[in-house]
Amino acid sequence: MPTAKLHALTILGALDEARSELVGKAVVLTDGKAGTVENVWLDELHGLRISIRGHDGKWPVSTIKFTQTG
């Protein structure tokens, strides 16, 4: 398998794993916004971004301060 294709499949696999782990989980962001993760995107400029139900906008996944456990 060509190296570029292998890298692309690795990235897409990691994105799918992040979606599975985050969508539907309650989170608190570093700016105090809280809610349930609605979706996860891969943004070519910013990396992984999330949307929070009830809040307009998308935030970097790195801004998650607390995640629901269990």
N, C-alpha and C. Protein backbone atom coordinates (compact mmCIF):
# COMPACT_ATOMS: atom_id res chain seq x y z
N MET A 1 0.85 -1.17 0.00
CA MET A 1 0.00 0.00 0.00
C MET A 1 0.91 1.24 0.00
N PRO A 2 0.61 2.22 -0.86
CA PRO A 2 1.42 3.44 -0.89
C PRO A 2 1.39 4.16 0.47
N THR A 3 2.51 4.78 0.81
CA THR A 3 2.67 5.45 2.10
C THR A 3 1.60 6.52 2.33
N ALA A 4 1.29 7.33 1.32
CA ALA A 4 0.30 8.40 1.47
C ALA A 4 -1.07 7.82 1.81
N LYS A 5 -1.43 6.73 1.16
CA LYS A 5 -2.73 6.10 1.42
C LYS A 5 -2.76 5.54 2.85
N LEU A 6 -1.67 4.97 3.29
CA LEU A 6 -1.60 4.43 4.65
C LEU A 6 -1.74 5.54 5.68
N HIS A 7 -1.08 6.68 5.44
CA HIS A 7 -1.20 7.83 6.35
C HIS A 7 -2.64 8.34 6.39
N ALA A 8 -3.28 8.44 5.23
CA ALA A 8 -4.66 8.91 5.15
C ALA A 8 -5.60 7.97 5.91
N LEU A 9 -5.43 6.68 5.76
CA LEU A 9 -6.26 5.71 6.47
C LEU A 9 -6.04 5.78 7.98
N THR A 10 -4.81 6.04 8.39
CA THR A 10 -4.50 6.18 9.82
C THR A 10 -5.21 7.41 10.39
N ILE A 11 -5.17 8.52 9.67
CA ILE A 11 -5.82 9.75 10.12
C ILE A 11 -7.33 9.55 10.20
N LEU A 12 -7.92 8.97 9.18
CA LEU A 12 -9.37 8.75 9.18
C LEU A 12 -9.78 7.78 10.29
N GLY A 13 -8.96 6.80 10.57
CA GLY A 13 -9.24 5.87 11.68
C GLY A 13 -9.22 6.58 13.01
N ALA A 14 -8.25 7.48 13.20
CA ALA A 14 -8.16 8.24 14.44
C ALA A 14 -9.34 9.19 14.58
N LEU A 15 -9.79 9.80 13.48
CA LEU A 15 -10.96 10.68 13.51
C LEU A 15 -12.20 9.90 13.91
N ASP A 16 -12.38 8.72 13.36
CA ASP A 16 -13.52 7.88 13.70
C ASP A 16 -13.48 7.48 15.18
N GLU A 17 -12.31 7.18 15.68
CA GLU A 17 -12.16 6.82 17.09
C GLU A 17 -12.49 8.01 18.00
N ALA A 18 -12.03 9.20 17.62
CA ALA A 18 -12.34 10.41 18.40
C ALA A 18 -13.84 10.67 18.41
N ARG A 19 -14.50 10.51 17.27
CA ARG A 19 -15.96 10.68 17.22
C ARG A 19 -16.64 9.71 18.17
N SER A 20 -16.23 8.46 18.13
CA SER A 20 -16.84 7.44 18.98
C SER A 20 -16.68 7.76 20.46
N GLU A 21 -15.51 8.30 20.82
CA GLU A 21 -15.23 8.62 22.22
C GLU A 21 -15.91 9.89 22.70
N LEU A 22 -16.16 10.86 21.81
CA LEU A 22 -16.61 12.17 22.25
C LEU A 22 -18.09 12.48 22.00
N VAL A 23 -18.63 12.07 20.85
CA VAL A 23 -20.02 12.43 20.53
C VAL A 23 -20.96 11.84 21.59
N GLY A 24 -21.80 12.73 22.12
CA GLY A 24 -22.76 12.32 23.15
C GLY A 24 -22.24 12.48 24.57
N LYS A 25 -20.96 12.80 24.74
CA LYS A 25 -20.38 12.97 26.08
C LYS A 25 -20.58 14.41 26.56
N ALA A 26 -20.81 14.56 27.85
CA ALA A 26 -20.89 15.88 28.46
C ALA A 26 -19.47 16.38 28.69
N VAL A 27 -19.22 17.64 28.32
CA VAL A 27 -17.90 18.23 28.47
C VAL A 27 -18.01 19.64 29.02
N VAL A 28 -16.91 20.09 29.61
CA VAL A 28 -16.74 21.49 30.01
C VAL A 28 -15.49 21.98 29.31
N LEU A 29 -15.61 23.13 28.64
CA LEU A 29 -14.47 23.71 27.94
C LEU A 29 -13.71 24.65 28.86
N THR A 30 -12.50 24.99 28.48
CA THR A 30 -11.67 25.86 29.30
C THR A 30 -12.27 27.25 29.46
N ASP A 31 -13.17 27.66 28.55
CA ASP A 31 -13.80 28.98 28.67
C ASP A 31 -15.09 28.93 29.48
N GLY A 32 -15.42 27.76 30.05
CA GLY A 32 -16.60 27.62 30.90
C GLY A 32 -17.84 27.12 30.20
N LYS A 33 -17.85 27.06 28.87
CA LYS A 33 -19.00 26.51 28.16
C LYS A 33 -19.12 25.04 28.51
N ALA A 34 -20.36 24.58 28.67
CA ALA A 34 -20.58 23.17 28.99
C ALA A 34 -21.73 22.65 28.15
N GLY A 35 -21.71 21.38 27.87
CA GLY A 35 -22.78 20.75 27.11
C GLY A 35 -22.34 19.40 26.59
N THR A 36 -23.12 18.90 25.67
CA THR A 36 -22.87 17.59 25.08
C THR A 36 -22.24 17.76 23.71
N VAL A 37 -21.20 17.00 23.45
CA VAL A 37 -20.54 17.07 22.14
C VAL A 37 -21.52 16.56 21.09
N GLU A 38 -21.73 17.42 20.09
CA GLU A 38 -22.68 17.09 19.02
C GLU A 38 -21.99 16.45 17.81
N ASN A 39 -20.78 16.95 17.48
CA ASN A 39 -20.07 16.42 16.33
C ASN A 39 -18.57 16.71 16.47
N VAL A 40 -17.78 15.97 15.71
CA VAL A 40 -16.33 16.15 15.67
C VAL A 40 -15.93 16.25 14.21
N TRP A 41 -15.09 17.25 13.89
CA TRP A 41 -14.61 17.46 12.53
C TRP A 41 -13.10 17.49 12.51
N LEU A 42 -12.56 17.22 11.34
CA LEU A 42 -11.13 17.41 11.10
C LEU A 42 -11.01 18.66 10.24
N ASP A 43 -10.47 19.72 10.81
CA ASP A 43 -10.30 21.00 10.14
C ASP A 43 -8.85 21.07 9.65
N GLU A 44 -8.66 21.31 8.37
CA GLU A 44 -7.30 21.28 7.81
C GLU A 44 -6.39 22.36 8.38
N LEU A 45 -6.96 23.42 8.94
CA LEU A 45 -6.14 24.48 9.53
C LEU A 45 -5.96 24.34 11.04
N HIS A 46 -6.95 23.75 11.72
CA HIS A 46 -6.94 23.75 13.18
C HIS A 46 -6.92 22.37 13.83
N GLY A 47 -6.99 21.32 13.07
CA GLY A 47 -7.02 19.97 13.64
C GLY A 47 -8.42 19.55 14.03
N LEU A 48 -8.55 18.78 15.09
CA LEU A 48 -9.86 18.31 15.53
C LEU A 48 -10.65 19.45 16.16
N ARG A 49 -11.91 19.59 15.74
CA ARG A 49 -12.81 20.60 16.27
C ARG A 49 -14.08 19.90 16.72
N ILE A 50 -14.74 20.47 17.72
CA ILE A 50 -15.98 19.90 18.23
C ILE A 50 -17.07 20.96 18.24
N SER A 51 -18.32 20.51 18.15
CA SER A 51 -19.45 21.41 18.37
C SER A 51 -20.16 20.92 19.62
N ILE A 52 -20.71 21.88 20.37
CA ILE A 52 -21.41 21.60 21.62
C ILE A 52 -22.88 21.93 21.44
N ARG A 53 -23.75 20.99 21.73
CA ARG A 53 -25.19 21.20 21.60
C ARG A 53 -25.60 22.43 22.42
N GLY A 54 -26.33 23.34 21.78
CA GLY A 54 -26.82 24.53 22.47
C GLY A 54 -25.88 25.72 22.39
N HIS A 55 -24.71 25.57 21.78
CA HIS A 55 -23.76 26.68 21.63
C HIS A 55 -23.37 26.78 20.16
N ASP A 56 -23.42 27.99 19.62
CA ASP A 56 -22.99 28.21 18.24
C ASP A 56 -21.47 28.21 18.17
N GLY A 57 -20.92 27.59 17.16
CA GLY A 57 -19.48 27.60 16.94
C GLY A 57 -18.86 26.23 17.02
N LYS A 58 -17.57 26.21 16.72
CA LYS A 58 -16.76 24.99 16.79
C LYS A 58 -15.51 25.33 17.59
N TRP A 59 -15.08 24.42 18.43
CA TRP A 59 -13.92 24.65 19.29
C TRP A 59 -12.88 23.56 19.08
N PRO A 60 -11.60 23.91 19.27
CA PRO A 60 -10.56 22.88 19.19
C PRO A 60 -10.79 21.83 20.29
N VAL A 61 -10.55 20.60 19.98
CA VAL A 61 -10.73 19.53 20.95
C VAL A 61 -9.82 19.74 22.16
N SER A 62 -8.74 20.49 21.96
CA SER A 62 -7.80 20.74 23.06
C SER A 62 -8.39 21.63 24.15
N THR A 63 -9.54 22.28 23.89
CA THR A 63 -10.15 23.15 24.89
C THR A 63 -11.05 22.39 25.87
N ILE A 64 -11.18 21.07 25.70
CA ILE A 64 -11.97 20.27 26.65
C ILE A 64 -11.20 20.19 27.96
N LYS A 65 -11.86 20.64 29.03
CA LYS A 65 -11.24 20.62 30.36
C LYS A 65 -11.68 19.38 31.13
N PHE A 66 -12.97 19.06 31.09
CA PHE A 66 -13.51 17.88 31.76
C PHE A 66 -14.41 17.12 30.79
N THR A 67 -14.34 15.81 30.86
CA THR A 67 -15.19 14.94 30.04
C THR A 67 -15.95 14.00 30.95
N GLN A 68 -17.21 13.77 30.60
CA GLN A 68 -18.04 12.80 31.33
C GLN A 68 -17.31 11.48 31.38
N THR A 69 -17.33 10.84 32.53
CA THR A 69 -16.69 9.52 32.66
C THR A 69 -17.75 8.45 32.70
N GLY A 70 -17.36 7.26 32.25
CA GLY A 70 -18.26 6.12 32.32
C GLY A 70 -19.07 5.89 31.12
